[in-house]
Every structure is written in structure tokens, then in C-alpha cells.
PDB file of N, CA and C in Angstrom:
ATOM      1  N   MET A   1      -9.243   3.539 -22.124  1.00  0.00           N
ATOM      2  CA  MET A   1      -9.553   5.230 -21.800  1.00  0.00           C
ATOM      3  C   MET A   1     -11.012   4.994 -22.065  1.00  0.00           C
ATOM      4  N   GLU A   2     -11.730   4.326 -22.514  1.00  0.00           N
ATOM      5  CA  GLU A   2     -13.181   4.779 -22.751  1.00  0.00           C
ATOM      6  C   GLU A   2     -13.762   3.267 -21.761  1.00  0.00           C
ATOM      7  N   LEU A   3     -13.229   2.532 -21.259  1.00  0.00           N
ATOM      8  CA  LEU A   3     -13.670   1.656 -20.315  1.00  0.00           C
ATOM      9  C   LEU A   3     -13.578   2.299 -19.091  1.00  0.00           C
ATOM     10  N   ILE A   4     -12.528   3.065 -18.771  1.00  0.00           N
ATOM     11  CA  ILE A   4     -12.363   3.809 -17.498  1.00  0.00           C
ATOM     12  C   ILE A   4     -13.618   4.939 -17.777  1.00  0.00           C
ATOM     13  N   SER A   5     -13.866   5.551 -18.584  1.00  0.00           N
ATOM     14  CA  SER A   5     -14.880   6.763 -18.907  1.00  0.00           C
ATOM     15  C   SER A   5     -16.296   5.995 -18.373  1.00  0.00           C
ATOM     16  N   LYS A   6     -16.544   4.907 -18.983  1.00  0.00           N
ATOM     17  CA  LYS A   6     -18.057   4.120 -18.757  1.00  0.00           C
ATOM     18  C   LYS A   6     -17.785   3.756 -17.193  1.00  0.00           C
ATOM     19  N   SER A   7     -16.920   3.358 -16.911  1.00  0.00           N
ATOM     20  CA  SER A   7     -17.155   2.850 -15.494  1.00  0.00           C
ATOM     21  C   SER A   7     -17.297   4.076 -14.512  1.00  0.00           C
ATOM     22  N   ALA A   8     -16.776   5.018 -14.805  1.00  0.00           N
ATOM     23  CA  ALA A   8     -16.876   6.402 -14.010  1.00  0.00           C
ATOM     24  C   ALA A   8     -18.202   6.992 -14.060  1.00  0.00           C
ATOM     25  N   ALA A   9     -18.846   6.866 -15.401  1.00  0.00           N
ATOM     26  CA  ALA A   9     -20.179   7.104 -15.784  1.00  0.00           C
ATOM     27  C   ALA A   9     -20.893   6.102 -14.938  1.00  0.00           C
ATOM     28  N   SER A  10     -20.941   4.924 -15.112  1.00  0.00           N
ATOM     29  CA  SER A  10     -21.573   3.973 -14.228  1.00  0.00           C
ATOM     30  C   SER A  10     -21.658   4.271 -12.353  1.00  0.00           C
ATOM     31  N   ILE A  11     -20.614   4.655 -12.053  1.00  0.00           N
ATOM     32  CA  ILE A  11     -20.347   4.742 -10.567  1.00  0.00           C
ATOM     33  C   ILE A  11     -21.086   6.124 -10.313  1.00  0.00           C
ATOM     34  N   ALA A  12     -21.507   6.903 -11.189  1.00  0.00           N
ATOM     35  CA  ALA A  12     -22.330   8.382 -11.248  1.00  0.00           C
ATOM     36  C   ALA A  12     -23.585   8.139 -11.341  1.00  0.00           C
ATOM     37  N   ASP A  13     -24.143   7.018 -11.975  1.00  0.00           N
ATOM     38  CA  ASP A  13     -25.450   7.063 -12.351  1.00  0.00           C
ATOM     39  C   ASP A  13     -25.903   6.003 -10.578  1.00  0.00           C
ATOM     40  N   GLY A  14     -24.717   5.351 -10.243  1.00  0.00           N
ATOM     41  CA  GLY A  14     -25.193   4.396  -8.885  1.00  0.00           C
ATOM     42  C   GLY A  14     -25.067   5.843  -7.794  1.00  0.00           C
ATOM     43  N   ASP A  15     -24.713   6.706  -8.022  1.00  0.00           N
ATOM     44  CA  ASP A  15     -24.575   7.601  -7.002  1.00  0.00           C
ATOM     45  C   ASP A  15     -25.864   8.639  -6.976  1.00  0.00           C
ATOM     46  N   LEU A  16     -26.557   8.859  -8.330  1.00  0.00           N
ATOM     47  CA  LEU A  16     -27.754   9.230  -8.225  1.00  0.00           C
ATOM     48  C   LEU A  16     -29.013   8.372  -7.955  1.00  0.00           C
ATOM     49  N   VAL A  17     -28.548   7.001  -8.106  1.00  0.00           N
ATOM     50  CA  VAL A  17     -29.506   6.247  -7.696  1.00  0.00           C
ATOM     51  C   VAL A  17     -29.964   6.196  -5.944  1.00  0.00           C
ATOM     52  N   ASP A  18     -28.427   6.180  -5.630  1.00  0.00           N
ATOM     53  CA  ASP A  18     -28.304   6.178  -4.116  1.00  0.00           C
ATOM     54  C   ASP A  18     -28.943   7.488  -3.518  1.00  0.00           C
ATOM     55  N   ASN A  19     -28.519   8.800  -4.466  1.00  0.00           N
ATOM     56  CA  ASN A  19     -29.250  10.188  -3.781  1.00  0.00           C
ATOM     57  C   ASN A  19     -30.916   9.629  -3.604  1.00  0.00           C
ATOM     58  N   ILE A  20     -31.473   9.145  -4.775  1.00  0.00           N
ATOM     59  CA  ILE A  20     -32.811   8.908  -5.130  1.00  0.00           C
ATOM     60  C   ILE A  20     -33.397   7.888  -3.883  1.00  0.00           C
ATOM     61  N   ILE A  21     -32.476   7.037  -3.301  1.00  0.00           N
ATOM     62  CA  ILE A  21     -32.970   6.059  -2.304  1.00  0.00           C
ATOM     63  C   ILE A  21     -32.933   6.977  -1.167  1.00  0.00           C
ATOM     64  N   ARG A  22     -31.743   7.479  -0.670  1.00  0.00           N
ATOM     65  CA  ARG A  22     -32.097   8.080   0.266  1.00  0.00           C
ATOM     66  C   ARG A  22     -33.078   9.292   0.630  1.00  0.00           C
ATOM     67  N   LYS A  23     -33.421   9.879  -0.535  1.00  0.00           N
ATOM     68  CA  LYS A  23     -34.281  10.883  -0.537  1.00  0.00           C
ATOM     69  C   LYS A  23     -35.857  10.528  -0.192  1.00  0.00           C
ATOM     70  N   THR A  24     -36.085   9.307  -0.864  1.00  0.00           N
ATOM     71  CA  THR A  24     -37.237   8.886  -0.681  1.00  0.00           C
ATOM     72  C   THR A  24     -37.606   7.683  -0.065  1.00  0.00           C
ATOM     73  N   ASN A  25     -36.768   7.196   0.862  1.00  0.00           N
ATOM     74  CA  ASN A  25     -36.506   5.931   1.519  1.00  0.00           C
ATOM     75  C   ASN A  25     -37.008   4.775   0.723  1.00  0.00           C
ATOM     76  N   ASN A  26     -36.667   4.748  -0.577  1.00  0.00           N
ATOM     77  CA  ASN A  26     -36.984   3.419  -1.235  1.00  0.00           C
ATOM     78  C   ASN A  26     -36.154   2.773  -1.442  1.00  0.00           C
ATOM     79  N   TRP A  27     -35.617   1.831  -0.412  1.00  0.00           N
ATOM     80  CA  TRP A  27     -34.552   0.762   0.036  1.00  0.00           C
ATOM     81  C   TRP A  27     -34.791  -0.376  -0.872  1.00  0.00           C
ATOM     82  N   SER A  28     -35.894  -0.623  -1.438  1.00  0.00           N
ATOM     83  CA  SER A  28     -36.016  -1.608  -2.743  1.00  0.00           C
ATOM     84  C   SER A  28     -35.183  -1.380  -3.831  1.00  0.00           C
ATOM     85  N   MET A  29     -34.870  -0.081  -4.061  1.00  0.00           N
ATOM     86  CA  MET A  29     -33.717  -0.169  -5.163  1.00  0.00           C
ATOM     87  C   MET A  29     -32.525   0.174  -4.667  1.00  0.00           C
ATOM     88  N   LEU A  30     -31.977  -0.417  -3.791  1.00  0.00           N
ATOM     89  CA  LEU A  30     -30.611  -0.826  -3.482  1.00  0.00           C
ATOM     90  C   LEU A  30     -29.914  -1.664  -4.396  1.00  0.00           C
ATOM     91  N   PRO A  31     -30.468  -2.807  -4.783  1.00  0.00           N
ATOM     92  CA  PRO A  31     -29.665  -3.730  -5.735  1.00  0.00           C
ATOM     93  C   PRO A  31     -29.470  -3.066  -7.170  1.00  0.00           C
ATOM     94  N   VAL A  32     -30.276  -1.796  -7.630  1.00  0.00           N
ATOM     95  CA  VAL A  32     -30.137  -1.191  -8.508  1.00  0.00           C
ATOM     96  C   VAL A  32     -28.774  -0.463  -8.179  1.00  0.00           C
ATOM     97  N   SER A  33     -28.768   0.162  -7.213  1.00  0.00           N
ATOM     98  CA  SER A  33     -27.320   1.016  -6.884  1.00  0.00           C
ATOM     99  C   SER A  33     -26.259   0.139  -6.870  1.00  0.00           C
ATOM    100  N   ALA A  34     -26.589  -1.032  -6.312  1.00  0.00           N
ATOM    101  CA  ALA A  34     -25.250  -1.655  -6.252  1.00  0.00           C
ATOM    102  C   ALA A  34     -24.709  -2.251  -7.226  1.00  0.00           C
ATOM    103  N   VAL A  35     -25.815  -2.246  -8.461  1.00  0.00           N
ATOM    104  CA  VAL A  35     -25.269  -2.931  -9.901  1.00  0.00           C
ATOM    105  C   VAL A  35     -24.333  -1.647 -10.571  1.00  0.00           C
ATOM    106  N   PHE A  36     -25.123  -0.381 -10.421  1.00  0.00           N
ATOM    107  CA  PHE A  36     -24.787   0.377 -11.073  1.00  0.00           C
ATOM    108  C   PHE A  36     -23.366   0.812 -10.612  1.00  0.00           C
ATOM    109  N   ALA A  37     -23.052   0.745  -8.927  1.00  0.00           N
ATOM    110  CA  ALA A  37     -21.828   1.307  -8.753  1.00  0.00           C
ATOM    111  C   ALA A  37     -20.690   0.311  -8.638  1.00  0.00           C
ATOM    112  N   SER A  38     -21.238  -1.179  -8.630  1.00  0.00           N
ATOM    113  CA  SER A  38     -20.183  -1.883  -8.208  1.00  0.00           C
ATOM    114  C   SER A  38     -20.049  -3.236  -9.527  1.00  0.00           C
ATOM    115  N   TYR A  39     -20.786  -3.623  -9.915  1.00  0.00           N
ATOM    116  CA  TYR A  39     -20.968  -4.541 -10.823  1.00  0.00           C
ATOM    117  C   TYR A  39     -20.646  -4.216 -11.971  1.00  0.00           C
ATOM    118  N   ILE A  40     -21.250  -3.159 -12.568  1.00  0.00           N
ATOM    119  CA  ILE A  40     -20.798  -2.725 -14.061  1.00  0.00           C
ATOM    120  C   ILE A  40     -19.424  -2.115 -13.932  1.00  0.00           C
ATOM    121  N   PRO A  41     -18.999  -1.612 -13.299  1.00  0.00           N
ATOM    122  CA  PRO A  41     -17.654  -1.068 -13.461  1.00  0.00           C
ATOM    123  C   PRO A  41     -16.551  -2.177 -12.761  1.00  0.00           C
ATOM    124  N   GLY A  42     -16.994  -3.088 -12.595  1.00  0.00           N
ATOM    125  CA  GLY A  42     -16.183  -3.969 -12.243  1.00  0.00           C
ATOM    126  C   GLY A  42     -15.977  -5.032 -13.875  1.00  0.00           C
ATOM    127  N   GLU A  43     -17.363  -4.913 -14.400  1.00  0.00           N
ATOM    128  CA  GLU A  43     -17.552  -5.707 -15.531  1.00  0.00           C
ATOM    129  C   GLU A  43     -16.363  -5.072 -16.603  1.00  0.00           C
ATOM    130  N   PHE A  44     -16.593  -3.818 -16.651  1.00  0.00           N
ATOM    131  CA  PHE A  44     -15.997  -3.043 -17.578  1.00  0.00           C
ATOM    132  C   PHE A  44     -14.441  -2.802 -17.297  1.00  0.00           C
ATOM    133  N   MET A  45     -14.098  -2.950 -16.075  1.00  0.00           N
ATOM    134  CA  MET A  45     -12.608  -2.832 -15.734  1.00  0.00           C
ATOM    135  C   MET A  45     -11.898  -4.239 -15.587  1.00  0.00           C
ATOM    136  N   ALA A  46     -12.604  -5.290 -15.658  1.00  0.00           N
ATOM    137  CA  ALA A  46     -12.157  -6.828 -15.880  1.00  0.00           C
ATOM    138  C   ALA A  46     -11.246  -7.153 -16.960  1.00  0.00           C
ATOM    139  N   SER A  47     -10.085  -7.619 -16.855  1.00  0.00           N
ATOM    140  CA  SER A  47      -9.280  -8.008 -18.035  1.00  0.00           C
ATOM    141  C   SER A  47      -8.036  -8.841 -16.890  1.00  0.00           C
ATOM    142  N   ASN A  48      -7.109  -9.294 -18.214  1.00  0.00           N
ATOM    143  CA  ASN A  48      -6.059 -10.302 -17.358  1.00  0.00           C
ATOM    144  C   ASN A  48      -4.880  -9.419 -17.433  1.00  0.00           C
ATOM    145  N   THR A  49      -4.906  -8.393 -17.432  1.00  0.00           N
ATOM    146  CA  THR A  49      -3.771  -7.513 -17.503  1.00  0.00           C
ATOM    147  C   THR A  49      -2.825  -7.618 -16.389  1.00  0.00           C
ATOM    148  N   ILE A  50      -1.637  -7.731 -16.216  1.00  0.00           N
ATOM    149  CA  ILE A  50      -1.001  -7.819 -15.176  1.00  0.00           C
ATOM    150  C   ILE A  50      -0.603  -6.405 -14.404  1.00  0.00           C
ATOM    151  N   GLY A  51      -0.275  -6.182 -13.312  1.00  0.00           N
ATOM    152  CA  GLY A  51      -0.158  -4.678 -12.881  1.00  0.00           C
ATOM    153  C   GLY A  51      -1.353  -3.905 -13.124  1.00  0.00           C
ATOM    154  N   GLY A  52      -2.484  -4.274 -12.834  1.00  0.00           N
ATOM    155  CA  GLY A  52      -3.767  -3.691 -12.906  1.00  0.00           C
ATOM    156  C   GLY A  52      -3.952  -2.493 -11.916  1.00  0.00           C
ATOM    157  N   ILE A  53      -5.022  -1.937 -11.497  1.00  0.00           N
ATOM    158  CA  ILE A  53      -5.242  -0.783 -10.479  1.00  0.00           C
ATOM    159  C   ILE A  53      -5.107  -1.462  -9.181  1.00  0.00           C
ATOM    160  N   GLU A  54      -4.508  -0.989  -8.257  1.00  0.00           N
ATOM    161  CA  GLU A  54      -4.108  -1.483  -7.043  1.00  0.00           C
ATOM    162  C   GLU A  54      -4.884  -0.627  -6.330  1.00  0.00           C
ATOM    163  N   PHE A  55      -6.418  -0.323  -6.188  1.00  0.00           N
ATOM    164  CA  PHE A  55      -6.883   0.499  -5.289  1.00  0.00           C
ATOM    165  C   PHE A  55      -6.622   0.541  -3.996  1.00  0.00           C
ATOM    166  N   PRO A  56      -6.419  -0.682  -3.231  1.00  0.00           N
ATOM    167  CA  PRO A  56      -6.227  -0.257  -1.879  1.00  0.00           C
ATOM    168  C   PRO A  56      -4.893  -0.237  -1.465  1.00  0.00           C
ATOM    169  N   GLN A  57      -4.051  -0.377  -1.979  1.00  0.00           N
ATOM    170  CA  GLN A  57      -2.494   0.653  -2.028  1.00  0.00           C
ATOM    171  C   GLN A  57      -2.495   1.959  -2.173  1.00  0.00           C
ATOM    172  N   TRP A  58      -3.194   2.395  -2.819  1.00  0.00           N
ATOM    173  CA  TRP A  58      -3.487   3.820  -3.532  1.00  0.00           C
ATOM    174  C   TRP A  58      -4.189   4.521  -1.921  1.00  0.00           C
ATOM    175  N   LEU A  59      -5.135   3.621  -1.777  1.00  0.00           N
ATOM    176  CA  LEU A  59      -5.720   4.369  -0.605  1.00  0.00           C
ATOM    177  C   LEU A  59      -4.993   4.460   0.816  1.00  0.00           C
ATOM    178  N   GLY A  60      -4.279   3.507   0.668  1.00  0.00           N
ATOM    179  CA  GLY A  60      -3.217   3.259   2.094  1.00  0.00           C
ATOM    180  C   GLY A  60      -2.302   4.550   1.686  1.00  0.00           C
ATOM    181  N   LYS A  61      -1.728   4.991   0.705  1.00  0.00           N
ATOM    182  CA  LYS A  61      -0.452   5.370   0.366  1.00  0.00           C
ATOM    183  C   LYS A  61      -1.099   7.223   0.419  1.00  0.00           C
ATOM    184  N   ASN A  62      -2.714   7.329   0.096  1.00  0.00           N
ATOM    185  CA  ASN A  62      -2.970   8.486   0.160  1.00  0.00           C
ATOM    186  C   ASN A  62      -3.187   9.047   1.381  1.00  0.00           C
ATOM    187  N   SER A  63      -3.919   7.954   1.911  1.00  0.00           N
ATOM    188  CA  SER A  63      -4.467   8.329   3.658  1.00  0.00           C
ATOM    189  C   SER A  63      -2.911   8.694   4.407  1.00  0.00           C
ATOM    190  N   ASN A  64      -1.726   8.168   3.967  1.00  0.00           N
ATOM    191  CA  ASN A  64      -0.612   8.672   4.729  1.00  0.00           C
ATOM    192  C   ASN A  64      -0.499   9.912   4.092  1.00  0.00           C
ATOM    193  N   ARG A  65      -0.319  10.065   3.029  1.00  0.00           N
ATOM    194  CA  ARG A  65      -0.043  11.428   2.596  1.00  0.00           C
ATOM    195  C   ARG A  65      -1.188  12.783   3.089  1.00  0.00           C
ATOM    196  N   ASN A  66      -2.211  12.214   3.319  1.00  0.00           N
ATOM    197  CA  ASN A  66      -3.384  13.169   3.863  1.00  0.00           C
ATOM    198  C   ASN A  66      -2.582  13.354   5.259  1.00  0.00           C
ATOM    199  N   LYS A  67      -2.338  12.335   6.150  1.00  0.00           N
ATOM    200  CA  LYS A  67      -2.070  12.223   7.309  1.00  0.00           C
ATOM    201  C   LYS A  67      -0.735  13.551   7.703  1.00  0.00           C
ATOM    202  N   ARG A  68       0.368  12.901   6.765  1.00  0.00           N
ATOM    203  CA  ARG A  68       1.564  14.110   6.989  1.00  0.00           C
ATOM    204  C   ARG A  68       0.952  15.251   6.435  1.00  0.00           C
ATOM    205  N   HIS A  69       0.453  15.629   5.460  1.00  0.00           N
ATOM    206  CA  HIS A  69       0.011  16.710   5.390  1.00  0.00           C
ATOM    207  C   HIS A  69      -0.365  17.584   6.371  1.00  0.00           C
ATOM    208  N   ARG A  70      -1.539  17.169   6.889  1.00  0.00           N
ATOM    209  CA  ARG A  70      -2.020  17.738   7.933  1.00  0.00           C
ATOM    210  C   ARG A  70      -1.429  17.840   9.437  1.00  0.00           C
ATOM    211  N   LEU A  71      -0.306  16.888   9.359  1.00  0.00           N
ATOM    212  CA  LEU A  71       0.660  17.167  10.360  1.00  0.00           C
ATOM    213  C   LEU A  71       1.687  18.302  10.351  1.00  0.00           C
ATOM    214  N   LEU A  72       1.981  18.382   8.657  1.00  0.00           N
ATOM    215  CA  LEU A  72       2.790  19.746   8.532  1.00  0.00           C
ATOM    216  C   LEU A  72       1.956  20.825   8.640  1.00  0.00           C
ATOM    217  N   GLN A  73       0.677  21.224   8.239  1.00  0.00           N
ATOM    218  CA  GLN A  73       0.184  22.317   8.368  1.00  0.00           C
ATOM    219  C   GLN A  73      -0.022  22.488   9.811  1.00  0.00           C
ATOM    220  N   ASN A  74      -0.357  21.520  10.652  1.00  0.00           N
ATOM    221  CA  ASN A  74      -0.288  21.896  12.328  1.00  0.00           C
ATOM    222  C   ASN A  74       0.948  22.569  12.844  1.00  0.00           C
ATOM    223  N   LEU A  75       1.886  21.895  12.300  1.00  0.00           N
ATOM    224  CA  LEU A  75       3.672  22.327  12.936  1.00  0.00           C
ATOM    225  C   LEU A  75       3.665  23.865  12.106  1.00  0.00           C
ATOM    226  N   HIS A  76       3.171  24.170  10.911  1.00  0.00           N
ATOM    227  CA  HIS A  76       3.433  25.074  10.321  1.00  0.00           C
ATOM    228  C   HIS A  76       2.420  26.700  11.088  1.00  0.00           C
ATOM    229  N   THR A  77       1.292  26.061  11.518  1.00  0.00           N
ATOM    230  CA  THR A  77       0.572  26.803  12.456  1.00  0.00           C
ATOM    231  C   THR A  77       1.360  27.392  13.624  1.00  0.00           C
ATOM    232  N   HIS A  78       1.853  26.135  14.299  1.00  0.00           N
ATOM    233  CA  HIS A  78       2.609  26.610  15.620  1.00  0.00           C
ATOM    234  C   HIS A  78       4.030  27.065  15.506  1.00  0.00           C
ATOM    235  N   VAL A  79       4.595  27.245  14.279  1.00  0.00           N
ATOM    236  CA  VAL A  79       5.869  27.759  14.085  1.00  0.00           C
ATOM    237  C   VAL A  79       6.012  28.621  13.162  1.00  0.00           C
ATOM    238  N   HIS A  80       4.655  29.355  12.579  1.00  0.00           N
ATOM    239  CA  HIS A  80       4.854  30.622  11.808  1.00  0.00           C
ATOM    240  C   HIS A  80       5.448  31.524  12.168  1.00  0.00           C
ATOM    241  N   LEU A  81       5.326  32.064  13.648  1.00  0.00           N
ATOM    242  CA  LEU A  81       5.670  33.348  13.924  1.00  0.00           C
ATOM    243  C   LEU A  81       7.202  33.305  14.038  1.00  0.00           C
ATOM    244  N   GLN A  82       7.805  32.059  13.935  1.00  0.00           N
ATOM    245  CA  GLN A  82       9.396  32.309  14.175  1.00  0.00           C
ATOM    246  C   GLN A  82      10.000  31.593  12.987  1.00  0.00           C
ATOM    247  N   VAL A  83       9.121  31.048  12.172  1.00  0.00           N
ATOM    248  CA  VAL A  83       9.600  30.676  10.850  1.00  0.00           C
ATOM    249  C   VAL A  83       8.844  31.030   9.638  1.00  0.00           C
ATOM    250  N   SER A  84       9.823  32.086   8.624  1.00  0.00           N
ATOM    251  CA  SER A  84       9.235  32.378   7.694  1.00  0.00           C
ATOM    252  C   SER A  84       9.341  31.650   6.679  1.00  0.00           C
ATOM    253  N   GLY A  85       8.307  31.255   6.017  1.00  0.00           N
ATOM    254  CA  GLY A  85       8.254  30.149   4.887  1.00  0.00           C
ATOM    255  C   GLY A  85       6.961  29.348   4.827  1.00  0.00           C
ATOM    256  N   SER A  86       7.226  29.336   3.331  1.00  0.00           N
ATOM    257  CA  SER A  86       5.703  28.104   3.086  1.00  0.00           C
ATOM    258  C   SER A  86       5.740  26.810   3.596  1.00  0.00           C
ATOM    259  N   LEU A  87       4.638  26.272   3.386  1.00  0.00           N
ATOM    260  CA  LEU A  87       4.653  24.412   3.850  1.00  0.00           C
ATOM    261  C   LEU A  87       5.623  24.047   3.273  1.00  0.00           C
ATOM    262  N   GLU A  88       6.046  24.277   1.894  1.00  0.00           N
ATOM    263  CA  GLU A  88       6.841  23.579   1.004  1.00  0.00           C
ATOM    264  C   GLU A  88       8.424  23.750   1.832  1.00  0.00           C
ATOM    265  N   ALA A  89       8.599  25.174   2.026  1.00  0.00           N
ATOM    266  CA  ALA A  89       9.781  25.531   2.604  1.00  0.00           C
ATOM    267  C   ALA A  89      10.098  24.844   4.109  1.00  0.00           C
ATOM    268  N   LEU A  90       8.773  24.872   4.885  1.00  0.00           N
ATOM    269  CA  LEU A  90       9.293  23.990   6.111  1.00  0.00           C
ATOM    270  C   LEU A  90       9.308  22.676   5.906  1.00  0.00           C
ATOM    271  N   ASN A  91       8.972  22.317   5.065  1.00  0.00           N
ATOM    272  CA  ASN A  91       9.188  20.710   4.865  1.00  0.00           C
ATOM    273  C   ASN A  91      10.541  20.614   4.145  1.00  0.00           C
ATOM    274  N   MET A  92      10.764  21.451   3.352  1.00  0.00           N
ATOM    275  CA  MET A  92      12.428  20.617   2.548  1.00  0.00           C
ATOM    276  C   MET A  92      13.397  21.447   3.602  1.00  0.00           C
ATOM    277  N   ASP A  93      13.059  22.569   4.145  1.00  0.00           N
ATOM    278  CA  ASP A  93      14.466  23.122   4.555  1.00  0.00           C
ATOM    279  C   ASP A  93      14.500  23.382   5.902  1.00  0.00           C
ATOM    280  N   TYR A  94      13.577  23.657   6.958  1.00  0.00           N
ATOM    281  CA  TYR A  94      13.633  23.320   8.063  1.00  0.00           C
ATOM    282  C   TYR A  94      13.531  22.070   8.746  1.00  0.00           C
ATOM    283  N   LEU A  95      12.761  21.344   8.331  1.00  0.00           N
ATOM    284  CA  LEU A  95      12.293  20.012   9.234  1.00  0.00           C
ATOM    285  C   LEU A  95      13.374  19.097   9.156  1.00  0.00           C
ATOM    286  N   PRO A  96      14.319  18.729   8.196  1.00  0.00           N
ATOM    287  CA  PRO A  96      15.036  17.716   8.419  1.00  0.00           C
ATOM    288  C   PRO A  96      16.402  18.300   9.617  1.00  0.00           C
ATOM    289  N   TYR A  97      16.545  19.593   9.476  1.00  0.00           N
ATOM    290  CA  TYR A  97      17.294  19.970  10.974  1.00  0.00           C
ATOM    291  C   TYR A  97      16.630  20.053  12.372  1.00  0.00           C
ATOM    292  N   LEU A  98      15.179  20.390  12.274  1.00  0.00           N
ATOM    293  CA  LEU A  98      14.462  20.420  13.305  1.00  0.00           C
ATOM    294  C   LEU A  98      14.855  18.547  13.817  1.00  0.00           C
ATOM    295  N   ARG A  99      14.674  17.833  12.730  1.00  0.00           N
ATOM    296  CA  ARG A  99      14.216  16.358  13.176  1.00  0.00           C
ATOM    297  C   ARG A  99      15.698  16.180  13.967  1.00  0.00           C
ATOM    298  N   ARG A 100      17.046  16.403  13.125  1.00  0.00           N
ATOM    299  CA  ARG A 100      18.239  16.070  13.859  1.00  0.00           C
ATOM    300  C   ARG A 100      18.304  16.543  15.178  1.00  0.00           C
ATOM    301  N   LEU A 101      18.085  18.149  15.219  1.00  0.00           N
ATOM    302  CA  LEU A 101      18.100  18.658  16.797  1.00  0.00           C
ATOM    303  C   LEU A 101      17.076  18.226  17.902  1.00  0.00           C
ATOM    304  N   ILE A 102      16.052  17.209  17.533  1.00  0.00           N
ATOM    305  CA  ILE A 102      15.271  16.726  18.687  1.00  0.00           C
ATOM    306  C   ILE A 102      15.589  15.178  18.375  1.00  0.00           C
ATOM    307  N   VAL A 103      15.621  14.351  17.613  1.00  0.00           N
ATOM    308  CA  VAL A 103      16.229  13.005  17.430  1.00  0.00           C
ATOM    309  C   VAL A 103      17.294  12.658  17.979  1.00  0.00           C
ATOM    310  N   ASP A 104      18.395  13.257  17.608  1.00  0.00           N
ATOM    311  CA  ASP A 104      19.899  13.135  18.391  1.00  0.00           C
ATOM    312  C   ASP A 104      19.766  12.793  19.547  1.00  0.00           C
ATOM    313  N   PRO A 105      19.584  14.177  20.525  1.00  0.00           N
ATOM    314  CA  PRO A 105      19.312  13.609  21.875  1.00  0.00           C
ATOM    315  C   PRO A 105      18.662  12.611  22.450  1.00  0.00           C
ATOM    316  N   LEU A 106      17.635  12.156  21.553  1.00  0.00           N
ATOM    317  CA  LEU A 106      16.792  10.986  22.022  1.00  0.00           C
ATOM    318  C   LEU A 106      17.316   9.883  22.080  1.00  0.00           C
ATOM    319  N   VAL A 107      18.380   9.871  20.793  1.00  0.00           N
ATOM    320  CA  VAL A 107      18.820   8.683  20.572  1.00  0.00           C
ATOM    321  C   VAL A 107      19.989   8.365  21.662  1.00  0.00           C
ATOM    322  N   GLN A 108      20.656   9.315  22.344  1.00  0.00           N
ATOM    323  CA  GLN A 108      21.583   8.992  22.979  1.00  0.00           C
ATOM    324  C   GLN A 108      20.965   9.219  24.584  1.00  0.00           C
ATOM    325  N   SER A 109      19.620   8.717  24.921  1.00  0.00           N
ATOM    326  CA  SER A 109      18.819   8.823  25.795  1.00  0.00           C
ATOM    327  C   SER A 109      18.852  10.033  26.717  1.00  0.00           C
ATOM    328  N   ASP A 110      19.123  11.391  26.038  1.00  0.00           N
ATOM    329  CA  ASP A 110      19.043  12.577  26.899  1.00  0.00           C
ATOM    330  C   ASP A 110      17.846  13.490  26.599  1.00  0.00           C
ATOM    331  N   VAL A 111      16.943  13.023  27.161  1.00  0.00           N
ATOM    332  CA  VAL A 111      15.425  13.399  26.932  1.00  0.00           C
ATOM    333  C   VAL A 111      15.288  15.024  27.521  1.00  0.00           C
ATOM    334  N   GLU A 112      15.985  15.314  28.375  1.00  0.00           N
ATOM    335  CA  GLU A 112      15.483  16.621  28.930  1.00  0.00           C
ATOM    336  C   GLU A 112      16.197  17.699  27.469  1.00  0.00           C
ATOM    337  N   THR A 113      17.379  17.565  27.116  1.00  0.00           N
ATOM    338  CA  THR A 113      17.829  18.137  26.107  1.00  0.00           C
ATOM    339  C   THR A 113      16.884  18.283  25.168  1.00  0.00           C
ATOM    340  N   ALA A 114      16.377  17.288  24.466  1.00  0.00           N
ATOM    341  CA  ALA A 114      15.368  17.178  23.373  1.00  0.00           C
ATOM    342  C   ALA A 114      14.371  18.047  23.703  1.00  0.00           C
ATOM    343  N   ALA A 115      13.873  17.869  25.062  1.00  0.00           N
ATOM    344  CA  ALA A 115      12.749  18.707  25.401  1.00  0.00           C
ATOM    345  C   ALA A 115      12.973  20.154  25.749  1.00  0.00           C
ATOM    346  N   GLU A 116      13.927  20.640  26.161  1.00  0.00           N
ATOM    347  CA  GLU A 116      14.350  21.878  25.884  1.00  0.00           C
ATOM    348  C   GLU A 116      14.594  22.319  24.284  1.00  0.00           C
ATOM    349  N   LYS A 117      15.010  21.444  23.568  1.00  0.00           N
ATOM    350  CA  LYS A 117      15.108  22.013  21.918  1.00  0.00           C
ATOM    351  C   LYS A 117      13.408  22.118  21.478  1.00  0.00           C
ATOM    352  N   MET A 118      12.615  21.193  21.850  1.00  0.00           N
ATOM    353  CA  MET A 118      11.348  21.652  21.602  1.00  0.00           C
ATOM    354  C   MET A 118      10.598  22.844  22.210  1.00  0.00           C
ATOM    355  N   GLU A 119      10.856  23.233  23.389  1.00  0.00           N
ATOM    356  CA  GLU A 119      10.239  24.422  23.799  1.00  0.00           C
ATOM    357  C   GLU A 119      10.735  25.668  23.313  1.00  0.00           C
ATOM    358  N   VAL A 120      11.902  25.876  22.749  1.00  0.00           N
ATOM    359  CA  VAL A 120      12.656  27.106  21.941  1.00  0.00           C
ATOM    360  C   VAL A 120      11.756  27.401  20.902  1.00  0.00           C
TER     361      VAL A 120
END
């Protein structure tokens, strides 16, 4: 945990240097920012442990989670007059039935029925 704390502190220092660079247009400090923001945290977190931090995978999963949450909020905005419930209730209670109501006709190539259900 101490190494993670040191890495986070170094990244924060790199952010401070980056702010100074942008405010003063002193681009000669860019290597200093790079050292604080990437090299030092990389050195602190370097290890031979298996199953380390898998940051790219986390970014992908977090992006998908944010996208799904945004879509759920959008749907909630459109149906909140007909559906009483929170986002969680909509997600857990209503969406499985709505999905079946719309997708089942599509599987049977009945686009008109699916479109009618979506209009209701």
C-alpha cells in the first residue's frame, strides 16, 4: 500500500508540474512532468508478481459500465412518466421483460410487432 501511495503522490506532483507548464508555456519542463507522471510511478509499481494491475482491461470495463449507465439514464428519462421506480428498479425489474417483449418478435422476423411494442 505504501508503494501505491507513493505512486499516487508522484502522479499528483506530475499534474502540478503539468499545470505550471500550461500556465507559463514553459514546455522545457515537459520531461520533468513525464518523469513524475510515468517513470517514477512505474518504478514504484514494478514487481514480479503475477496478476498485477490490469489497467487497460479496467478502462474497457469502466467504459462499458459508464455507457450502460448512460443508456439506462436515457431510457429512464423517456419512460419515467409511465414507470414508477428508480434506475435500479428499472434495470432489475422492468428491463428483462421489456427486452423479451421487443426481442422475441424480432427473432421471429416480426419487425412490425416489435415496433408496435416499442411505441406503447
